[in-house]
Amino acid sequence: MTPRLKKLKDRIIATVLTRESSIPIKYIQIDTSTEPDEGWDEIVINVVVEVPPQQALAFWGAIGEGVEKWAQRLPQDEKDLLYEKIAISVHW
């Protein structure tokens, strides 16, 4: 993981997820996914919450909106890196 990518990941967790967290987060797990044959990799931020599915999906939507608003303030190269290399998944 490059330093720039790590910085983005850390900022998402610290800023976006905690700010949007109106529900109990059980834990956050960071995974990486790679496809060497196709030459891509990404970081997956898995957020596990302790709520019913409908509330978890609403939380996922709020995270998405928060990331979109936050991304608008980023320089274009960081925004591109965010959209190409980082995914957020919510589990219940």
C-alpha atoms as a PDB file:
ATOM      1  CA  MET A   1       0.000   0.000   0.000  1.00  0.00           C
ATOM      2  CA  THR A   2       1.452   3.322  -1.034  1.00  0.00           C
ATOM      3  CA  PRO A   3       1.728   6.113   1.547  1.00  0.00           C
ATOM      4  CA  ARG A   4      -0.872   8.209  -0.341  1.00  0.00           C
ATOM      5  CA  LEU A   5      -3.324   5.315  -0.401  1.00  0.00           C
ATOM      6  CA  LYS A   6      -2.770   4.604   3.286  1.00  0.00           C
ATOM      7  CA  LYS A   7      -3.395   8.273   4.050  1.00  0.00           C
ATOM      8  CA  LEU A   8      -6.705   8.212   2.155  1.00  0.00           C
ATOM      9  CA  LYS A   9      -7.776   4.999   3.891  1.00  0.00           C
ATOM     10  CA  ASP A  10      -6.925   6.402   7.294  1.00  0.00           C
ATOM     11  CA  ARG A  11      -8.785   9.642   6.560  1.00  0.00           C
ATOM     12  CA  ILE A  12     -11.896   7.746   5.462  1.00  0.00           C
ATOM     13  CA  ILE A  13     -11.922   5.737   8.652  1.00  0.00           C
ATOM     14  CA  ALA A  14     -11.126   8.661  10.937  1.00  0.00           C
ATOM     15  CA  THR A  15     -13.242  11.319   9.297  1.00  0.00           C
ATOM     16  CA  VAL A  16     -16.063   9.893   7.232  1.00  0.00           C
ATOM     17  CA  LEU A  17     -16.946   6.675   9.035  1.00  0.00           C
ATOM     18  CA  THR A  18     -16.774   8.055  12.559  1.00  0.00           C
ATOM     19  CA  ARG A  19     -18.672  11.200  11.626  1.00  0.00           C
ATOM     20  CA  GLU A  20     -21.431   9.246   9.896  1.00  0.00           C
ATOM     21  CA  SER A  21     -21.609   6.702  12.693  1.00  0.00           C
ATOM     22  CA  SER A  22     -25.013   7.034  14.273  1.00  0.00           C
ATOM     23  CA  ILE A  23     -25.189   3.278  14.772  1.00  0.00           C
ATOM     24  CA  PRO A  24     -22.975   0.889  16.721  1.00  0.00           C
ATOM     25  CA  ILE A  25     -19.957  -0.296  14.748  1.00  0.00           C
ATOM     26  CA  LYS A  26     -18.832  -3.717  15.920  1.00  0.00           C
ATOM     27  CA  TYR A  27     -15.507  -3.519  14.087  1.00  0.00           C
ATOM     28  CA  ILE A  28     -13.768  -2.312  10.949  1.00  0.00           C
ATOM     29  CA  GLN A  29     -11.610  -4.736   8.989  1.00  0.00           C
ATOM     30  CA  ILE A  30      -9.260  -3.729   6.197  1.00  0.00           C
ATOM     31  CA  ASP A  31      -8.713  -6.222   3.384  1.00  0.00           C
ATOM     32  CA  THR A  32      -6.891  -5.992   0.103  1.00  0.00           C
ATOM     33  CA  SER A  33      -8.086  -7.465  -3.132  1.00  0.00           C
ATOM     34  CA  THR A  34      -5.757  -8.013  -6.066  1.00  0.00           C
ATOM     35  CA  GLU A  35      -6.067  -9.336  -9.573  1.00  0.00           C
ATOM     36  CA  PRO A  36      -2.487  -9.716 -10.825  1.00  0.00           C
ATOM     37  CA  ASP A  37      -3.549 -10.913 -14.287  1.00  0.00           C
ATOM     38  CA  GLU A  38      -5.529  -7.727 -14.823  1.00  0.00           C
ATOM     39  CA  GLY A  39      -3.044  -5.504 -13.004  1.00  0.00           C
ATOM     40  CA  TRP A  40      -5.310  -4.011 -10.334  1.00  0.00           C
ATOM     41  CA  ASP A  41      -5.616  -3.974  -6.593  1.00  0.00           C
ATOM     42  CA  GLU A  42      -7.841  -2.240  -4.090  1.00  0.00           C
ATOM     43  CA  ILE A  43      -8.366  -1.737  -0.396  1.00  0.00           C
ATOM     44  CA  VAL A  44     -11.702  -2.876   0.978  1.00  0.00           C
ATOM     45  CA  ILE A  45     -12.905  -1.260   4.202  1.00  0.00           C
ATOM     46  CA  ASN A  46     -15.359  -3.735   5.736  1.00  0.00           C
ATOM     47  CA  VAL A  47     -17.572  -2.148   8.377  1.00  0.00           C
ATOM     48  CA  VAL A  48     -19.484  -4.602  10.579  1.00  0.00           C
ATOM     49  CA  VAL A  49     -22.457  -3.078  12.393  1.00  0.00           C
ATOM     50  CA  GLU A  50     -24.877  -4.375  14.998  1.00  0.00           C
ATOM     51  CA  VAL A  51     -28.212  -3.333  13.509  1.00  0.00           C
ATOM     52  CA  PRO A  52     -30.955  -4.847  11.333  1.00  0.00           C
ATOM     53  CA  PRO A  53     -30.349  -5.006   7.559  1.00  0.00           C
ATOM     54  CA  GLN A  54     -32.516  -2.003   6.686  1.00  0.00           C
ATOM     55  CA  GLN A  55     -30.675   0.232   9.133  1.00  0.00           C
ATOM     56  CA  ALA A  56     -27.296  -1.111   7.939  1.00  0.00           C
ATOM     57  CA  LEU A  57     -28.191  -0.305   4.327  1.00  0.00           C
ATOM     58  CA  ALA A  58     -29.237   3.219   5.319  1.00  0.00           C
ATOM     59  CA  PHE A  59     -25.892   3.584   7.102  1.00  0.00           C
ATOM     60  CA  TRP A  60     -24.079   2.386   3.967  1.00  0.00           C
ATOM     61  CA  GLY A  61     -25.946   5.032   1.973  1.00  0.00           C
ATOM     62  CA  ALA A  62     -24.952   7.730   4.474  1.00  0.00           C
ATOM     63  CA  ILE A  63     -21.324   6.650   4.229  1.00  0.00           C
ATOM     64  CA  GLY A  64     -21.522   6.867   0.446  1.00  0.00           C
ATOM     65  CA  GLU A  65     -22.935  10.391   0.618  1.00  0.00           C
ATOM     66  CA  GLY A  66     -20.265  11.388   3.146  1.00  0.00           C
ATOM     67  CA  VAL A  67     -17.482  10.030   0.950  1.00  0.00           C
ATOM     68  CA  GLU A  68     -18.885  11.862  -2.078  1.00  0.00           C
ATOM     69  CA  LYS A  69     -19.004  15.188  -0.214  1.00  0.00           C
ATOM     70  CA  TRP A  70     -15.523  14.666   1.198  1.00  0.00           C
ATOM     71  CA  ALA A  71     -14.107  13.613  -2.182  1.00  0.00           C
ATOM     72  CA  GLN A  72     -15.270  16.872  -3.773  1.00  0.00           C
ATOM     73  CA  ARG A  73     -12.729  18.705  -1.613  1.00  0.00           C
ATOM     74  CA  LEU A  74      -9.820  16.488  -2.654  1.00  0.00           C
ATOM     75  CA  PRO A  75      -7.325  17.291  -5.394  1.00  0.00           C
ATOM     76  CA  GLN A  76      -8.197  15.428  -8.605  1.00  0.00           C
ATOM     77  CA  ASP A  77      -5.323  12.931  -8.311  1.00  0.00           C
ATOM     78  CA  GLU A  78      -6.401  11.933  -4.778  1.00  0.00           C
ATOM     79  CA  LYS A  79     -10.034  11.724  -5.855  1.00  0.00           C
ATOM     80  CA  ASP A  80      -9.049   9.398  -8.715  1.00  0.00           C
ATOM     81  CA  LEU A  81      -7.025   7.251  -6.320  1.00  0.00           C
ATOM     82  CA  LEU A  82      -9.963   7.092  -3.906  1.00  0.00           C
ATOM     83  CA  TYR A  83     -12.427   5.952  -6.567  1.00  0.00           C
ATOM     84  CA  GLU A  84     -10.032   3.503  -8.215  1.00  0.00           C
ATOM     85  CA  LYS A  85      -8.444   1.902  -5.162  1.00  0.00           C
ATOM     86  CA  ILE A  86     -10.810   2.055  -2.158  1.00  0.00           C
ATOM     87  CA  ALA A  87     -14.109   0.275  -1.593  1.00  0.00           C
ATOM     88  CA  ILE A  88     -16.367   0.359   1.464  1.00  0.00           C
ATOM     89  CA  SER A  89     -18.607  -2.535   2.396  1.00  0.00           C
ATOM     90  CA  VAL A  90     -21.118  -2.703   5.262  1.00  0.00           C
ATOM     91  CA  HIS A  91     -22.027  -6.025   6.895  1.00  0.00           C
ATOM     92  CA  TRP A  92     -24.538  -6.833   9.596  1.00  0.00           C
END
